Amino acid sequence: MASTTVSTPREGVSGRLRRLPAVVGPLLILIALIVVIGIANPRFLSVANLANLARQSSILLILALGVSFIIMMGCIDLSVEGVMALSSVVLASLVLSIKQPNGLGILGILIAIAMGTLMGLINGVLHTRLRIPSFMVTLGMLSVGLGLATWLSGGLDVRVLDPTLRIWTREFTGPIPNLTFFGLAFFVLALFLERYTRFGRYIRAIGGAEDRAKLVGIPVDRYKVYAFTIAGFFYGVAGVLFTGRVGAGTSTVGQGQLFAAITAVVVGGTALTGGTGGVVQTLIGALIVTVIGNGMIMVGVNQWIQLAVHGIIITVAVALTMDRKKIPIIK
């Protein structure tokens, strides 16, 4: 029997033009925010604060890029903070720290990232093999990661002294924070995966219509596992960089990052129903979230009002991006 090869067409110029309004809208919002906040407080546009914005947005961007792949295929990943926590504590146990006088250096960093990748792989396998909804599997992994991280660290912060991490996360190259280069590098990697690989085309097809993707021969389960594994890799990297930035391995290293990452993805224009959006929109969304957070601090907005504003933003963004045709019943 002759074998058949399934392929999906590469996105042409017309496809990119159709997506242009989805990019332009958030970009105009970002520009408007920068102008308004800059007028309200001119220090917002100072070189020092712009460098701070670049540093703040870099780790958020890496996390949001991982989340983007999951949301684009119509799933959800709630394990972000658990993966970051366990990667952080494993890192502190392996590199030079107050508890580890003979650190493994780069090898310890790679093992910590591998831990995040493994957790993503487990998410994907459990979701596809046991047919458990993605939000339940990843919610369970969130608890597993936080629980193991707290147990391993004894509930204490472990000060990390590794010089490599310090250079990567705290130092500058000229006026540019080194963290910015990591954010840009992972953006380029994510953009390549989305635009120029079968993986990117398939996860968009799965998010657009999973049943139809199966009918044309796309190995849906396999690419879902790939997506969760890649996302875990991104979360692991973010956990390592965040640990270096705060200078300690801790089970609370990812606190608040899940909400921020999902907000960045949705604000950028990627619908929770899947099939739309992309990493360029996520880049813009991460910048919007960072600018709003930084701007509210600079103009003196109360911290609880800031929390309320973030809640309003994600609610409005979901309402504007969700494809209600894919959800016949709203419960």
C-alpha atoms as a PDB file:
ATOM      1  CA  MET A   1       0.000   0.000   0.000  1.00  0.00           C
ATOM      2  CA  ALA A   2       1.443   3.382  -0.989  1.00  0.00           C
ATOM      3  CA  SER A   3       2.015   5.840   1.799  1.00  0.00           C
ATOM      4  CA  THR A   4       0.701   9.368   1.692  1.00  0.00           C
ATOM      5  CA  THR A   5       2.318  12.464   3.066  1.00  0.00           C
ATOM      6  CA  VAL A   6       0.221  15.115   4.686  1.00  0.00           C
ATOM      7  CA  SER A   7       1.358  18.698   4.360  1.00  0.00           C
ATOM      8  CA  THR A   8      -0.084  22.075   5.060  1.00  0.00           C
ATOM      9  CA  PRO A   9       0.595  25.078   2.845  1.00  0.00           C
ATOM     10  CA  ARG A  10       2.953  27.720   4.076  1.00  0.00           C
ATOM     11  CA  GLU A  11       1.346  31.014   4.935  1.00  0.00           C
ATOM     12  CA  GLY A  12       1.536  33.292   1.925  1.00  0.00           C
ATOM     13  CA  VAL A  13       1.592  37.073   1.595  1.00  0.00           C
ATOM     14  CA  SER A  14      -2.214  37.232   1.571  1.00  0.00           C
ATOM     15  CA  GLY A  15      -2.380  35.334   4.852  1.00  0.00           C
ATOM     16  CA  ARG A  16       0.043  37.735   6.490  1.00  0.00           C
ATOM     17  CA  LEU A  17      -1.897  40.714   5.183  1.00  0.00           C
ATOM     18  CA  ARG A  18      -5.106  39.313   6.702  1.00  0.00           C
ATOM     19  CA  ARG A  19      -3.352  39.156  10.069  1.00  0.00           C
ATOM     20  CA  LEU A  20      -2.035  42.722   9.794  1.00  0.00           C
ATOM     21  CA  PRO A  21      -5.018  44.437  11.513  1.00  0.00           C
ATOM     22  CA  ALA A  22      -4.626  42.090  14.507  1.00  0.00           C
ATOM     23  CA  VAL A  23      -1.039  43.361  14.882  1.00  0.00           C
ATOM     24  CA  VAL A  24      -1.707  47.028  14.141  1.00  0.00           C
ATOM     25  CA  GLY A  25      -4.471  47.408  16.756  1.00  0.00           C
ATOM     26  CA  PRO A  26      -2.385  46.321  19.789  1.00  0.00           C
ATOM     27  CA  LEU A  27       0.625  48.212  18.401  1.00  0.00           C
ATOM     28  CA  LEU A  28      -1.377  51.458  18.267  1.00  0.00           C
ATOM     29  CA  ILE A  29      -2.547  50.835  21.842  1.00  0.00           C
ATOM     30  CA  LEU A  30       1.070  50.358  22.932  1.00  0.00           C
ATOM     31  CA  ILE A  31       2.151  53.601  21.253  1.00  0.00           C
ATOM     32  CA  ALA A  32      -0.777  55.498  22.795  1.00  0.00           C
ATOM     33  CA  LEU A  33       0.077  54.185  26.270  1.00  0.00           C
ATOM     34  CA  ILE A  34       3.711  55.244  25.916  1.00  0.00           C
ATOM     35  CA  VAL A  35       2.672  58.749  24.814  1.00  0.00           C
ATOM     36  CA  VAL A  36       0.058  59.222  27.559  1.00  0.00           C
ATOM     37  CA  ILE A  37       2.249  57.904  30.385  1.00  0.00           C
ATOM     38  CA  GLY A  38       5.238  59.845  29.044  1.00  0.00           C
ATOM     39  CA  ILE A  39       3.202  63.059  29.226  1.00  0.00           C
ATOM     40  CA  ALA A  40       1.937  62.221  32.726  1.00  0.00           C
ATOM     41  CA  ASN A  41       5.475  61.525  33.956  1.00  0.00           C
ATOM     42  CA  PRO A  42       8.403  62.494  31.708  1.00  0.00           C
ATOM     43  CA  ARG A  43      10.720  60.194  33.711  1.00  0.00           C
ATOM     44  CA  PHE A  44       8.891  57.281  32.077  1.00  0.00           C
ATOM     45  CA  LEU A  45      10.872  57.899  28.867  1.00  0.00           C
ATOM     46  CA  SER A  46      14.242  58.273  30.589  1.00  0.00           C
ATOM     47  CA  VAL A  47      17.057  55.966  29.513  1.00  0.00           C
ATOM     48  CA  ALA A  48      17.132  54.342  32.949  1.00  0.00           C
ATOM     49  CA  ASN A  49      13.408  53.541  32.909  1.00  0.00           C
ATOM     50  CA  LEU A  50      13.479  52.299  29.315  1.00  0.00           C
ATOM     51  CA  ALA A  51      16.246  49.901  30.325  1.00  0.00           C
ATOM     52  CA  ASN A  52      14.113  48.848  33.272  1.00  0.00           C
ATOM     53  CA  LEU A  53      11.154  48.219  30.936  1.00  0.00           C
ATOM     54  CA  ALA A  54      13.340  46.078  28.693  1.00  0.00           C
ATOM     55  CA  ARG A  55      14.525  44.030  31.662  1.00  0.00           C
ATOM     56  CA  GLN A  56      11.020  43.636  33.114  1.00  0.00           C
ATOM     57  CA  SER A  57       9.479  42.549  29.822  1.00  0.00           C
ATOM     58  CA  SER A  58      12.153  39.997  28.854  1.00  0.00           C
ATOM     59  CA  ILE A  59      11.247  37.178  31.254  1.00  0.00           C
ATOM     60  CA  LEU A  60       7.523  37.856  30.814  1.00  0.00           C
ATOM     61  CA  LEU A  61       8.011  37.612  27.047  1.00  0.00           C
ATOM     62  CA  ILE A  62       9.746  34.224  27.294  1.00  0.00           C
ATOM     63  CA  LEU A  63       6.921  32.869  29.459  1.00  0.00           C
ATOM     64  CA  ALA A  64       4.229  34.320  27.202  1.00  0.00           C
ATOM     65  CA  LEU A  65       5.843  32.840  24.093  1.00  0.00           C
ATOM     66  CA  GLY A  66       5.582  29.383  25.643  1.00  0.00           C
ATOM     67  CA  VAL A  67       1.957  30.018  26.613  1.00  0.00           C
ATOM     68  CA  SER A  68       1.233  31.292  23.074  1.00  0.00           C
ATOM     69  CA  PHE A  69       1.871  27.906  21.490  1.00  0.00           C
ATOM     70  CA  ILE A  70      -0.545  26.257  23.922  1.00  0.00           C
ATOM     71  CA  ILE A  71      -3.311  28.822  23.475  1.00  0.00           C
ATOM     72  CA  MET A  72      -2.896  28.910  19.696  1.00  0.00           C
ATOM     73  CA  MET A  73      -3.846  25.228  19.546  1.00  0.00           C
ATOM     74  CA  GLY A  74      -6.905  25.803  21.727  1.00  0.00           C
ATOM     75  CA  CYS A  75      -5.540  24.480  25.040  1.00  0.00           C
ATOM     76  CA  ILE A  76      -4.540  26.157  28.295  1.00  0.00           C
ATOM     77  CA  ASP A  77      -1.503  25.725  30.540  1.00  0.00           C
ATOM     78  CA  LEU A  78      -1.846  26.590  34.228  1.00  0.00           C
ATOM     79  CA  SER A  79       1.432  24.953  35.300  1.00  0.00           C
ATOM     80  CA  VAL A  80       3.645  27.988  34.620  1.00  0.00           C
ATOM     81  CA  GLU A  81       4.317  28.913  38.245  1.00  0.00           C
ATOM     82  CA  GLY A  82       4.887  25.299  39.324  1.00  0.00           C
ATOM     83  CA  VAL A  83       7.396  24.687  36.534  1.00  0.00           C
ATOM     84  CA  MET A  84       9.240  27.914  37.323  1.00  0.00           C
ATOM     85  CA  ALA A  85       9.319  27.079  41.047  1.00  0.00           C
ATOM     86  CA  LEU A  86      10.778  23.596  40.623  1.00  0.00           C
ATOM     87  CA  SER A  87      13.290  24.763  38.006  1.00  0.00           C
ATOM     88  CA  SER A  88      14.362  27.551  40.375  1.00  0.00           C
ATOM     89  CA  VAL A  89      14.877  25.292  43.390  1.00  0.00           C
ATOM     90  CA  VAL A  90      16.653  22.605  41.327  1.00  0.00           C
ATOM     91  CA  LEU A  91      18.930  25.315  39.963  1.00  0.00           C
ATOM     92  CA  ALA A  92      19.767  26.562  43.466  1.00  0.00           C
ATOM     93  CA  SER A  93      20.562  22.983  44.496  1.00  0.00           C
ATOM     94  CA  LEU A  94      23.043  22.470  41.658  1.00  0.00           C
ATOM     95  CA  VAL A  95      24.886  25.746  41.046  1.00  0.00           C
ATOM     96  CA  LEU A  96      27.062  27.741  43.428  1.00  0.00           C
ATOM     97  CA  SER A  97      24.868  28.842  46.341  1.00  0.00           C
ATOM     98  CA  ILE A  98      24.907  29.147  50.126  1.00  0.00           C
ATOM     99  CA  LYS A  99      23.908  25.463  50.265  1.00  0.00           C
ATOM    100  CA  GLN A 100      26.120  24.224  47.438  1.00  0.00           C
ATOM    101  CA  PRO A 101      29.800  25.281  47.666  1.00  0.00           C
ATOM    102  CA  ASN A 102      30.768  23.164  44.642  1.00  0.00           C
ATOM    103  CA  GLY A 103      28.288  24.123  41.968  1.00  0.00           C
ATOM    104  CA  LEU A 104      27.951  22.451  38.564  1.00  0.00           C
ATOM    105  CA  GLY A 105      27.903  25.766  36.702  1.00  0.00           C
ATOM    106  CA  ILE A 106      26.441  25.590  33.188  1.00  0.00           C
ATOM    107  CA  LEU A 107      25.563  21.908  33.662  1.00  0.00           C
ATOM    108  CA  GLY A 108      23.415  22.789  36.678  1.00  0.00           C
ATOM    109  CA  ILE A 109      21.653  25.461  34.641  1.00  0.00           C
ATOM    110  CA  LEU A 110      20.952  22.993  31.826  1.00  0.00           C
ATOM    111  CA  ILE A 111      19.588  20.403  34.273  1.00  0.00           C
ATOM    112  CA  ALA A 112      17.208  22.997  35.753  1.00  0.00           C
ATOM    113  CA  ILE A 113      15.948  23.893  32.266  1.00  0.00           C
ATOM    114  CA  ALA A 114      15.626  20.181  31.465  1.00  0.00           C
ATOM    115  CA  MET A 115      13.423  19.802  34.548  1.00  0.00           C
ATOM    116  CA  GLY A 116      11.030  22.400  33.161  1.00  0.00           C
ATOM    117  CA  THR A 117      11.075  20.678  29.773  1.00  0.00           C
ATOM    118  CA  LEU A 118      10.305  17.311  31.388  1.00  0.00           C
ATOM    119  CA  MET A 119       7.334  18.768  33.241  1.00  0.00           C
ATOM    120  CA  GLY A 120       6.001  20.117  29.955  1.00  0.00           C
ATOM    121  CA  LEU A 121       6.458  16.705  28.346  1.00  0.00           C
ATOM    122  CA  ILE A 122       4.510  15.070  31.202  1.00  0.00           C
ATOM    123  CA  ASN A 123       1.727  17.627  30.735  1.00  0.00           C
ATOM    124  CA  GLY A 124       1.451  16.765  27.061  1.00  0.00           C
ATOM    125  CA  VAL A 125       1.562  12.984  27.549  1.00  0.00           C
ATOM    126  CA  LEU A 126      -1.060  12.988  30.313  1.00  0.00           C
ATOM    127  CA  HIS A 127      -3.322  15.302  28.318  1.00  0.00           C
ATOM    128  CA  THR A 128      -3.184  13.237  25.131  1.00  0.00           C
ATOM    129  CA  ARG A 129      -2.886   9.667  26.460  1.00  0.00           C
ATOM    130  CA  LEU A 130      -5.373   9.890  29.330  1.00  0.00           C
ATOM    131  CA  ARG A 131      -7.686  12.371  27.566  1.00  0.00           C
ATOM    132  CA  ILE A 132      -7.682  14.697  30.559  1.00  0.00           C
ATOM    133  CA  PRO A 133      -8.570  18.339  29.771  1.00  0.00           C
ATOM    134  CA  SER A 134      -5.450  20.463  29.532  1.00  0.00           C
ATOM    135  CA  PHE A 135      -6.511  22.846  32.287  1.00  0.00           C
ATOM    136  CA  MET A 136      -6.907  19.967  34.753  1.00  0.00           C
ATOM    137  CA  VAL A 137      -3.600  18.301  33.864  1.00  0.00           C
ATOM    138  CA  THR A 138      -1.661  21.538  34.092  1.00  0.00           C
ATOM    139  CA  LEU A 139      -3.458  22.604  37.276  1.00  0.00           C
ATOM    140  CA  GLY A 140      -2.271  19.337  38.807  1.00  0.00           C
ATOM    141  CA  MET A 141       1.268  19.957  37.560  1.00  0.00           C
ATOM    142  CA  LEU A 142       1.139  23.424  39.105  1.00  0.00           C
ATOM    143  CA  SER A 143       0.554  21.806  42.511  1.00  0.00           C
ATOM    144  CA  VAL A 144       3.201  19.134  41.889  1.00  0.00           C
ATOM    145  CA  GLY A 145       5.812  21.749  41.001  1.00  0.00           C
ATOM    146  CA  LEU A 146       5.021  24.030  43.918  1.00  0.00           C
ATOM    147  CA  GLY A 147       4.864  21.109  46.356  1.00  0.00           C
ATOM    148  CA  LEU A 148       8.176  19.570  45.288  1.00  0.00           C
ATOM    149  CA  ALA A 149       9.886  22.962  45.191  1.00  0.00           C
ATOM    150  CA  THR A 150       8.737  23.795  48.727  1.00  0.00           C
ATOM    151  CA  TRP A 151       9.812  20.361  49.989  1.00  0.00           C
ATOM    152  CA  LEU A 152      13.248  20.530  48.363  1.00  0.00           C
ATOM    153  CA  SER A 153      13.933  24.052  49.637  1.00  0.00           C
ATOM    154  CA  GLY A 154      12.399  23.513  53.060  1.00  0.00           C
ATOM    155  CA  GLY A 155      10.238  26.543  52.373  1.00  0.00           C
ATOM    156  CA  LEU A 156      13.326  28.782  52.481  1.00  0.00           C
ATOM    157  CA  ASP A 157      14.958  30.984  49.864  1.00  0.00           C
ATOM    158  CA  VAL A 158      18.362  29.635  48.774  1.00  0.00           C
ATOM    159  CA  ARG A 159      20.744  32.432  47.836  1.00  0.00           C
ATOM    160  CA  VAL A 160      22.367  31.779  44.454  1.00  0.00           C
ATOM    161  CA  LEU A 161      25.969  32.936  43.968  1.00  0.00           C
ATOM    162  CA  ASP A 162      26.735  31.552  40.504  1.00  0.00           C
ATOM    163  CA  PRO A 163      28.710  34.213  38.556  1.00  0.00           C
ATOM    164  CA  THR A 164      27.369  33.117  35.166  1.00  0.00           C
ATOM    165  CA  LEU A 165      23.793  33.727  36.249  1.00  0.00           C
ATOM    166  CA  ARG A 166      24.744  37.099  37.652  1.00  0.00           C
ATOM    167  CA  ILE A 167      26.250  38.177  34.324  1.00  0.00           C
ATOM    168  CA  TRP A 168      23.267  36.881  32.357  1.00  0.00           C
ATOM    169  CA  THR A 169      20.570  38.445  34.499  1.00  0.00           C
ATOM    170  CA  ARG A 170      21.955  41.503  36.272  1.00  0.00           C
ATOM    171  CA  GLU A 171      24.685  42.959  34.104  1.00  0.00           C
ATOM    172  CA  PHE A 172      24.451  45.269  31.078  1.00  0.00           C
ATOM    173  CA  THR A 173      26.052  45.328  27.655  1.00  0.00           C
ATOM    174  CA  GLY A 174      26.404  49.057  27.150  1.00  0.00           C
ATOM    175  CA  PRO A 175      23.029  50.561  28.122  1.00  0.00           C
ATOM    176  CA  ILE A 176      21.136  47.336  27.339  1.00  0.00           C
ATOM    177  CA  PRO A 177      20.333  44.789  30.071  1.00  0.00           C
ATOM    178  CA  ASN A 178      21.654  41.325  29.191  1.00  0.00           C
ATOM    179  CA  LEU A 179      18.203  39.896  29.914  1.00  0.00           C
ATOM    180  CA  THR A 180      16.955  41.778  26.848  1.00  0.00           C
ATOM    181  CA  PHE A 181      19.155  39.656  24.578  1.00  0.00           C
ATOM    182  CA  PHE A 182      17.595  36.490  26.000  1.00  0.00           C
ATOM    183  CA  GLY A 183      14.115  37.864  25.375  1.00  0.00           C
ATOM    184  CA  LEU A 184      14.980  38.731  21.776  1.00  0.00           C
ATOM    185  CA  ALA A 185      16.707  35.388  21.163  1.00  0.00           C
ATOM    186  CA  PHE A 186      13.692  33.402  22.340  1.00  0.00           C
ATOM    187  CA  PHE A 187      11.369  35.639  20.344  1.00  0.00           C
ATOM    188  CA  VAL A 188      13.357  34.844  17.197  1.00  0.00           C
ATOM    189  CA  LEU A 189      13.270  31.123  18.064  1.00  0.00           C
ATOM    190  CA  ALA A 190       9.506  31.202  18.645  1.00  0.00           C
ATOM    191  CA  LEU A 191       8.940  33.184  15.445  1.00  0.00           C
ATOM    192  CA  PHE A 192      10.961  30.636  13.466  1.00  0.00           C
ATOM    193  CA  LEU A 193       8.972  27.753  14.956  1.00  0.00           C
ATOM    194  CA  GLU A 194       5.675  29.461  14.197  1.00  0.00           C
ATOM    195  CA  ARG A 195       6.364  30.725  10.686  1.00  0.00           C
ATOM    196  CA  TYR A 196       8.845  28.311   9.145  1.00  0.00           C
ATOM    197  CA  THR A 197       8.224  24.851  10.584  1.00  0.00           C
ATOM    198  CA  ARG A 198       5.575  22.174  10.301  1.00  0.00           C
ATOM    199  CA  PHE A 199       5.091  22.480  14.057  1.00  0.00           C
ATOM    200  CA  GLY A 200       3.878  26.072  13.750  1.00  0.00           C
ATOM    201  CA  ARG A 201       1.510  25.305  10.884  1.00  0.00           C
ATOM    202  CA  TYR A 202       0.087  22.243  12.595  1.00  0.00           C
ATOM    203  CA  ILE A 203      -0.641  23.831  15.968  1.00  0.00           C
ATOM    204  CA  ARG A 204      -2.486  26.649  14.228  1.00  0.00           C
ATOM    205  CA  ALA A 205      -4.494  24.064  12.280  1.00  0.00           C
ATOM    206  CA  ILE A 206      -5.244  22.143  15.491  1.00  0.00           C
ATOM    207  CA  GLY A 207      -6.449  25.316  17.169  1.00  0.00           C
ATOM    208  CA  GLY A 208      -8.563  26.266  14.168  1.00  0.00           C
ATOM    209  CA  ALA A 209     -10.434  22.951  14.015  1.00  0.00           C
ATOM    210  CA  GLU A 210      -8.989  19.901  15.752  1.00  0.00           C
ATOM    211  CA  ASP A 211     -11.444  17.421  14.200  1.00  0.00           C
ATOM    212  CA  ARG A 212     -10.665  18.701  10.719  1.00  0.00           C
ATOM    213  CA  ALA A 213      -6.931  18.501  11.444  1.00  0.00           C
ATOM    214  CA  LYS A 214      -7.343  14.823  12.334  1.00  0.00           C
ATOM    215  CA  LEU A 215      -9.323  14.166   9.152  1.00  0.00           C
ATOM    216  CA  VAL A 216      -6.524  15.497   6.943  1.00  0.00           C
ATOM    217  CA  GLY A 217      -3.994  13.293   8.705  1.00  0.00           C
ATOM    218  CA  ILE A 218      -2.261  15.664  11.121  1.00  0.00           C
ATOM    219  CA  PRO A 219      -0.932  13.667  14.117  1.00  0.00           C
ATOM    220  CA  VAL A 220      -2.717  15.888  16.607  1.00  0.00           C
ATOM    221  CA  ASP A 221      -1.646  14.131  19.800  1.00  0.00           C
ATOM    222  CA  ARG A 222       2.017  14.111  18.800  1.00  0.00           C
ATOM    223  CA  TYR A 223       2.078  17.843  18.086  1.00  0.00           C
ATOM    224  CA  LYS A 224       0.212  18.614  21.280  1.00  0.00           C
ATOM    225  CA  VAL A 225       2.954  16.811  23.190  1.00  0.00           C
ATOM    226  CA  TYR A 226       5.548  18.803  21.230  1.00  0.00           C
ATOM    227  CA  ALA A 227       3.791  22.066  22.123  1.00  0.00           C
ATOM    228  CA  PHE A 228       3.604  21.333  25.851  1.00  0.00           C
ATOM    229  CA  THR A 229       7.237  20.203  25.866  1.00  0.00           C
ATOM    230  CA  ILE A 230       8.431  23.361  24.119  1.00  0.00           C
ATOM    231  CA  ALA A 231       6.332  25.458  26.506  1.00  0.00           C
ATOM    232  CA  GLY A 232       7.937  23.676  29.477  1.00  0.00           C
ATOM    233  CA  PHE A 233      11.351  24.476  28.017  1.00  0.00           C
ATOM    234  CA  PHE A 234      10.443  28.173  27.826  1.00  0.00           C
ATOM    235  CA  TYR A 235       9.118  28.150  31.407  1.00  0.00           C
ATOM    236  CA  GLY A 236      12.279  26.424  32.616  1.00  0.00           C
ATOM    237  CA  VAL A 237      14.462  29.063  30.985  1.00  0.00           C
ATOM    238  CA  ALA A 238      12.301  31.805  32.496  1.00  0.00           C
ATOM    239  CA  GLY A 239      12.586  30.180  35.923  1.00  0.00           C
ATOM    240  CA  VAL A 240      16.384  30.097  35.661  1.00  0.00           C
ATOM    241  CA  LEU A 241      16.610  33.721  34.524  1.00  0.00           C
ATOM    242  CA  PHE A 242      14.161  34.898  37.178  1.00  0.00           C
ATOM    243  CA  THR A 243      16.188  33.076  39.836  1.00  0.00           C
ATOM    244  CA  GLY A 244      19.344  34.822  38.688  1.00  0.00           C
ATOM    245  CA  ARG A 245      17.585  38.173  38.696  1.00  0.00           C
ATOM    246  CA  VAL A 246      16.244  37.881  42.268  1.00  0.00           C
ATOM    247  CA  GLY A 247      19.410  36.113  43.418  1.00  0.00           C
ATOM    248  CA  ALA A 248      17.700  33.169  45.112  1.00  0.00           C
ATOM    249  CA  GLY A 249      16.068  29.850  44.354  1.00  0.00           C
ATOM    250  CA  THR A 250      12.585  29.852  45.829  1.00  0.00           C
ATOM    251  CA  SER A 251       9.218  28.148  45.417  1.00  0.00           C
ATOM    252  CA  THR A 252       7.592  31.578  45.023  1.00  0.00           C
ATOM    253  CA  VAL A 253       9.747  32.668  42.095  1.00  0.00           C
ATOM    254  CA  GLY A 254       6.862  32.441  39.615  1.00  0.00           C
ATOM    255  CA  GLN A 255       4.203  34.045  41.797  1.00  0.00           C
ATOM    256  CA  GLY A 256       1.870  36.144  39.645  1.00  0.00           C
ATOM    257  CA  GLN A 257       3.583  35.142  36.395  1.00  0.00           C
ATOM    258  CA  LEU A 258       0.778  32.869  35.133  1.00  0.00           C
ATOM    259  CA  PHE A 259      -1.748  35.695  35.108  1.00  0.00           C
ATOM    260  CA  ALA A 260       0.754  38.116  33.562  1.00  0.00           C
ATOM    261  CA  ALA A 261       1.743  35.666  30.797  1.00  0.00           C
ATOM    262  CA  ILE A 262      -1.830  34.797  29.812  1.00  0.00           C
ATOM    263  CA  THR A 263      -2.740  38.490  29.908  1.00  0.00           C
ATOM    264  CA  ALA A 264       0.147  39.292  27.562  1.00  0.00           C
ATOM    265  CA  VAL A 265      -0.929  36.602  25.093  1.00  0.00           C
ATOM    266  CA  VAL A 266      -4.597  37.612  25.068  1.00  0.00           C
ATOM    267  CA  VAL A 267      -3.974  41.374  25.058  1.00  0.00           C
ATOM    268  CA  GLY A 268      -1.724  40.833  22.049  1.00  0.00           C
ATOM    269  CA  GLY A 269      -4.683  39.391  20.132  1.00  0.00           C
ATOM    270  CA  THR A 270      -4.388  35.602  20.483  1.00  0.00           C
ATOM    271  CA  ALA A 271      -7.852  34.202  21.193  1.00  0.00           C
ATOM    272  CA  LEU A 272      -8.301  31.655  23.994  1.00  0.00           C
ATOM    273  CA  THR A 273     -10.354  29.591  21.528  1.00  0.00           C
ATOM    274  CA  GLY A 274      -7.214  28.932  19.467  1.00  0.00           C
ATOM    275  CA  GLY A 275      -6.316  29.114  15.794  1.00  0.00           C
ATOM    276  CA  THR A 276      -5.434  32.816  15.744  1.00  0.00           C
ATOM    277  CA  GLY A 277      -2.711  35.122  16.969  1.00  0.00           C
ATOM    278  CA  GLY A 278       1.000  34.523  17.027  1.00  0.00           C
ATOM    279  CA  VAL A 279       4.291  35.385  18.648  1.00  0.00           C
ATOM    280  CA  VAL A 280       4.496  38.895  17.142  1.00  0.00           C
ATOM    281  CA  GLN A 281       1.200  39.728  18.843  1.00  0.00           C
ATOM    282  CA  THR A 282       2.554  38.191  22.049  1.00  0.00           C
ATOM    283  CA  LEU A 283       5.613  40.450  21.909  1.00  0.00           C
ATOM    284  CA  ILE A 284       3.352  43.488  21.656  1.00  0.00           C
ATOM    285  CA  GLY A 285       1.101  42.140  24.404  1.00  0.00           C
ATOM    286  CA  ALA A 286       4.053  41.600  26.761  1.00  0.00           C
ATOM    287  CA  LEU A 287       5.184  45.179  26.152  1.00  0.00           C
ATOM    288  CA  ILE A 288       1.655  46.496  26.789  1.00  0.00           C
ATOM    289  CA  VAL A 289       1.411  44.630  30.107  1.00  0.00           C
ATOM    290  CA  THR A 290       4.868  45.842  31.171  1.00  0.00           C
ATOM    291  CA  VAL A 291       4.225  49.452  30.151  1.00  0.00           C
ATOM    292  CA  ILE A 292       0.898  49.535  31.996  1.00  0.00           C
ATOM    293  CA  GLY A 293       2.400  48.056  35.165  1.00  0.00           C
ATOM    294  CA  ASN A 294       5.440  50.336  35.118  1.00  0.00           C
ATOM    295  CA  GLY A 295       3.377  53.379  34.150  1.00  0.00           C
ATOM    296  CA  MET A 296       0.863  52.942  36.962  1.00  0.00           C
ATOM    297  CA  ILE A 297       3.709  52.760  39.466  1.00  0.00           C
ATOM    298  CA  MET A 298       5.317  55.920  38.055  1.00  0.00           C
ATOM    299  CA  VAL A 299       2.086  57.919  38.210  1.00  0.00           C
ATOM    300  CA  GLY A 300       1.379  56.695  41.739  1.00  0.00           C
ATOM    301  CA  VAL A 301      -1.628  54.418  41.242  1.00  0.00           C
ATOM    302  CA  ASN A 302      -2.582  52.420  44.354  1.00  0.00           C
ATOM    303  CA  GLN A 303      -1.382  48.771  44.164  1.00  0.00           C
ATOM    304  CA  TRP A 304      -4.905  47.404  44.619  1.00  0.00           C
ATOM    305  CA  ILE A 305      -6.203  49.631  41.835  1.00  0.00           C
ATOM    306  CA  GLN A 306      -3.366  48.252  39.695  1.00  0.00           C
ATOM    307  CA  LEU A 307      -4.633  44.725  40.355  1.00  0.00           C
ATOM    308  CA  ALA A 308      -8.162  45.765  39.408  1.00  0.00           C
ATOM    309  CA  VAL A 309      -6.909  47.381  36.197  1.00  0.00           C
ATOM    310  CA  HIS A 310      -5.111  44.168  35.171  1.00  0.00           C
ATOM    311  CA  GLY A 311      -8.335  42.218  35.754  1.00  0.00           C
ATOM    312  CA  ILE A 312     -10.328  44.641  33.616  1.00  0.00           C
ATOM    313  CA  ILE A 313      -7.713  44.484  30.853  1.00  0.00           C
ATOM    314  CA  ILE A 314      -7.772  40.701  30.512  1.00  0.00           C
ATOM    315  CA  THR A 315     -11.587  40.589  30.677  1.00  0.00           C
ATOM    316  CA  VAL A 316     -11.923  43.134  27.880  1.00  0.00           C
ATOM    317  CA  ALA A 317      -9.189  41.441  25.839  1.00  0.00           C
ATOM    318  CA  VAL A 318     -10.887  38.031  26.089  1.00  0.00           C
ATOM    319  CA  ALA A 319     -14.226  39.570  25.117  1.00  0.00           C
ATOM    320  CA  LEU A 320     -12.679  41.187  22.036  1.00  0.00           C
ATOM    321  CA  THR A 321     -10.631  38.210  20.812  1.00  0.00           C
ATOM    322  CA  MET A 322     -12.777  35.160  21.612  1.00  0.00           C
ATOM    323  CA  ASP A 323     -14.402  33.423  18.652  1.00  0.00           C
ATOM    324  CA  ARG A 324     -17.859  32.682  20.025  1.00  0.00           C
ATOM    325  CA  LYS A 325     -18.705  30.469  17.039  1.00  0.00           C
ATOM    326  CA  LYS A 326     -16.373  27.837  18.526  1.00  0.00           C
ATOM    327  CA  ILE A 327     -18.281  27.852  21.816  1.00  0.00           C
ATOM    328  CA  PRO A 328     -21.930  26.990  21.140  1.00  0.00           C
ATOM    329  CA  ILE A 329     -22.796  26.952  24.854  1.00  0.00           C
ATOM    330  CA  ILE A 330     -21.445  29.430  27.389  1.00  0.00           C
ATOM    331  CA  LYS A 331     -21.626  27.990  30.915  1.00  0.00           C
END
